[in-house]
Structure formats: structure tokens, C-alpha cells
C-alpha atoms as a PDB file:
ATOM      1  CA  UNK A   1      10.398   6.195 180.305  1.00  0.00           C
ATOM      2  CA  UNK A   2      11.847   6.946 176.935  1.00  0.00           C
ATOM      3  CA  UNK A   3      13.158  10.263 175.832  1.00  0.00           C
ATOM      4  CA  UNK A   4      11.352  12.788 173.719  1.00  0.00           C
ATOM      5  CA  UNK A   5      11.239  12.067 169.999  1.00  0.00           C
ATOM      6  CA  UNK A   6      13.469  14.414 167.993  1.00  0.00           C
ATOM      7  CA  UNK A   7      12.320  15.927 164.747  1.00  0.00           C
ATOM      8  CA  UNK A   8      14.428  14.817 161.819  1.00  0.00           C
ATOM      9  CA  UNK A   9      16.597  17.434 160.178  1.00  0.00           C
ATOM     10  CA  UNK A  10      15.380  18.643 156.823  1.00  0.00           C
ATOM     11  CA  UNK A  11      17.706  18.036 153.917  1.00  0.00           C
ATOM     12  CA  UNK A  12      18.726  21.287 152.294  1.00  0.00           C
ATOM     13  CA  UNK A  13      18.374  21.187 148.516  1.00  0.00           C
ATOM     14  CA  UNK A  14      21.265  22.532 146.508  1.00  0.00           C
ATOM     15  CA  UNK A  15      20.323  25.377 144.232  1.00  0.00           C
ATOM     16  CA  UNK A  16      20.949  24.547 140.597  1.00  0.00           C
ATOM     17  CA  UNK A  17      22.857  27.093 138.587  1.00  0.00           C
ATOM     18  CA  UNK A  18      20.654  28.678 135.953  1.00  0.00           C
ATOM     19  CA  UNK A  19      21.620  28.682 132.296  1.00  0.00           C
ATOM     20  CA  UNK A  20      22.564  31.991 130.727  1.00  0.00           C
ATOM     21  CA  UNK A  21      20.273  33.729 128.259  1.00  0.00           C
ATOM     22  CA  UNK A  22      22.574  36.670 127.430  1.00  0.00           C
ATOM     23  CA  UNK A  23      25.790  36.041 125.496  1.00  0.00           C
ATOM     24  CA  UNK A  24      28.726  37.590 123.616  1.00  0.00           C
ATOM     25  CA  UNK A  25      28.137  38.716 120.023  1.00  0.00           C
ATOM     26  CA  UNK A  26      30.306  36.883 117.498  1.00  0.00           C
ATOM     27  CA  UNK A  27      30.116  39.764 115.013  1.00  0.00           C
ATOM     28  CA  UNK A  28      30.777  42.884 117.128  1.00  0.00           C
ATOM     29  CA  UNK A  29      32.536  41.058 120.053  1.00  0.00           C
ATOM     30  CA  UNK A  30      30.583  42.896 122.766  1.00  0.00           C
ATOM     31  CA  UNK A  31      29.862  40.825 125.854  1.00  0.00           C
ATOM     32  CA  UNK A  32      26.351  40.503 127.286  1.00  0.00           C
ATOM     33  CA  UNK A  33      24.511  42.053 124.334  1.00  0.00           C
ATOM     34  CA  UNK A  34      23.025  38.996 122.596  1.00  0.00           C
ATOM     35  CA  UNK A  35      19.640  37.845 123.857  1.00  0.00           C
ATOM     36  CA  UNK A  36      18.081  34.494 123.029  1.00  0.00           C
ATOM     37  CA  UNK A  37      14.310  34.153 122.888  1.00  0.00           C
ATOM     38  CA  UNK A  38      12.531  30.836 122.372  1.00  0.00           C
ATOM     39  CA  UNK A  39       8.967  30.829 121.068  1.00  0.00           C
ATOM     40  CA  UNK A  40       7.781  27.279 121.676  1.00  0.00           C
ATOM     41  CA  UNK A  41       4.321  27.917 120.204  1.00  0.00           C
ATOM     42  CA  UNK A  42       5.893  28.901 116.870  1.00  0.00           C
ATOM     43  CA  UNK A  43       8.759  26.416 117.152  1.00  0.00           C
ATOM     44  CA  UNK A  44      11.442  29.068 116.621  1.00  0.00           C
ATOM     45  CA  UNK A  45      14.404  30.399 118.525  1.00  0.00           C
ATOM     46  CA  UNK A  46      15.812  33.859 117.859  1.00  0.00           C
ATOM     47  CA  UNK A  47      19.179  35.408 118.678  1.00  0.00           C
ATOM     48  CA  UNK A  48      19.467  39.215 118.444  1.00  0.00           C
ATOM     49  CA  UNK A  49      22.399  41.526 119.210  1.00  0.00           C
ATOM     50  CA  UNK A  50      21.329  44.820 120.800  1.00  0.00           C
ATOM     51  CA  UNK A  51      24.419  46.678 119.533  1.00  0.00           C
ATOM     52  CA  UNK A  52      25.044  45.656 115.917  1.00  0.00           C
ATOM     53  CA  UNK A  53      21.574  44.262 115.140  1.00  0.00           C
ATOM     54  CA  UNK A  54      22.818  40.834 114.030  1.00  0.00           C
ATOM     55  CA  UNK A  55      20.075  38.227 114.238  1.00  0.00           C
ATOM     56  CA  UNK A  56      19.533  34.524 113.624  1.00  0.00           C
ATOM     57  CA  UNK A  57      16.363  32.422 113.664  1.00  0.00           C
ATOM     58  CA  UNK A  58      16.278  28.627 113.818  1.00  0.00           C
ATOM     59  CA  UNK A  59      13.847  25.806 114.503  1.00  0.00           C
ATOM     60  CA  UNK A  60      13.606  24.533 118.083  1.00  0.00           C
ATOM     61  CA  UNK A  61      11.902  21.652 119.854  1.00  0.00           C
ATOM     62  CA  UNK A  62      10.618  21.120 123.375  1.00  0.00           C
ATOM     63  CA  UNK A  63      14.118  20.310 124.684  1.00  0.00           C
ATOM     64  CA  UNK A  64      15.838  23.415 123.275  1.00  0.00           C
ATOM     65  CA  UNK A  65      17.303  26.049 125.576  1.00  0.00           C
ATOM     66  CA  UNK A  66      18.715  29.509 124.759  1.00  0.00           C
ATOM     67  CA  UNK A  67      22.278  28.151 124.783  1.00  0.00           C
ATOM     68  CA  UNK A  68      21.297  25.695 122.033  1.00  0.00           C
ATOM     69  CA  UNK A  69      20.055  28.508 119.785  1.00  0.00           C
ATOM     70  CA  UNK A  70      23.220  30.518 120.452  1.00  0.00           C
ATOM     71  CA  UNK A  71      25.425  27.515 119.613  1.00  0.00           C
ATOM     72  CA  UNK A  72      23.537  26.965 116.352  1.00  0.00           C
ATOM     73  CA  UNK A  73      24.182  30.623 115.468  1.00  0.00           C
ATOM     74  CA  UNK A  74      27.905  30.214 116.143  1.00  0.00           C
ATOM     75  CA  UNK A  75      27.991  27.026 114.044  1.00  0.00           C
ATOM     76  CA  UNK A  76      26.223  28.799 111.176  1.00  0.00           C
ATOM     77  CA  UNK A  77      28.669  31.742 111.338  1.00  0.00           C
ATOM     78  CA  UNK A  78      31.623  29.336 111.246  1.00  0.00           C
ATOM     79  CA  UNK A  79      30.105  27.446 108.305  1.00  0.00           C
ATOM     80  CA  UNK A  80      29.590  30.673 106.344  1.00  0.00           C
ATOM     81  CA  UNK A  81      33.111  31.944 107.075  1.00  0.00           C
ATOM     82  CA  UNK A  82      34.544  28.564 106.018  1.00  0.00           C
ATOM     83  CA  UNK A  83      32.671  28.765 102.708  1.00  0.00           C
ATOM     84  CA  UNK A  84      33.933  32.314 102.130  1.00  0.00           C
ATOM     85  CA  UNK A  85      37.539  31.249 102.777  1.00  0.00           C
ATOM     86  CA  UNK A  86      37.129  28.372 100.338  1.00  0.00           C
ATOM     87  CA  UNK A  87      35.732  30.692  97.632  1.00  0.00           C
ATOM     88  CA  UNK A  88      38.553  33.208  98.189  1.00  0.00           C
ATOM     89  CA  UNK A  89      41.111  30.383  97.902  1.00  0.00           C
ATOM     90  CA  UNK A  90      39.567  29.201  94.618  1.00  0.00           C
ATOM     91  CA  UNK A  91      39.706  32.726  93.157  1.00  0.00           C
ATOM     92  CA  UNK A  92      43.400  33.106  94.049  1.00  0.00           C
ATOM     93  CA  UNK A  93      44.382  29.844  92.324  1.00  0.00           C
ATOM     94  CA  UNK A  94      42.799  30.724  88.941  1.00  0.00           C
ATOM     95  CA  UNK A  95      45.436  33.008  87.344  1.00  0.00           C
ATOM     96  CA  UNK A  96      49.072  32.574  86.302  1.00  0.00           C
END
């Protein structure tokens, strides 16, 4: 004379936070205007600002996400600005 069998409680899955695909533009400083698009068939990732029109294209692989393309764009902008500062410093040192 056992009791009725209880149904086990279902485990609720936690919802994972999704990664952003819209970011802040590093050139015009507007927030939420840069969109990242990944074209896996072509193997490219593109970042485009809707306000100032700034764009960047890089190679991607099967693991790449929009945040990776955006970070590569930021790294490239920093590299270019560092080179420009170095060139400007060299020009200033030349004369007496």
C-alpha cells in the first residue's frame, strides 16, 4: 500500500545572455550605431557605422562572433593612430 509516485520536478534552464551585435563608433562616438555582419560563406566580417559611414572588413573563421570583428576594428584604429603619433613625433624632432 505505497503512496502515489510523484513526478520529478523539471530543472529550469538558465537563459544565456546574448552577445551584442550593435556597438559604439570609435570615430564619431555615437552609441548603438555600429553594426557587425559576419558572412561565413565568404569568410569576412564587416563593421559599418550608420552615422559617419566608417567601415572595416576583416577575415573571420567559424569561431568568430560580431564582438571579435568589432575588437579587431578597434585594434586597427589604435595601431593606425599610434603610427600617426610616431610620424608626427619624428617630424617635430627634425629641425633646430
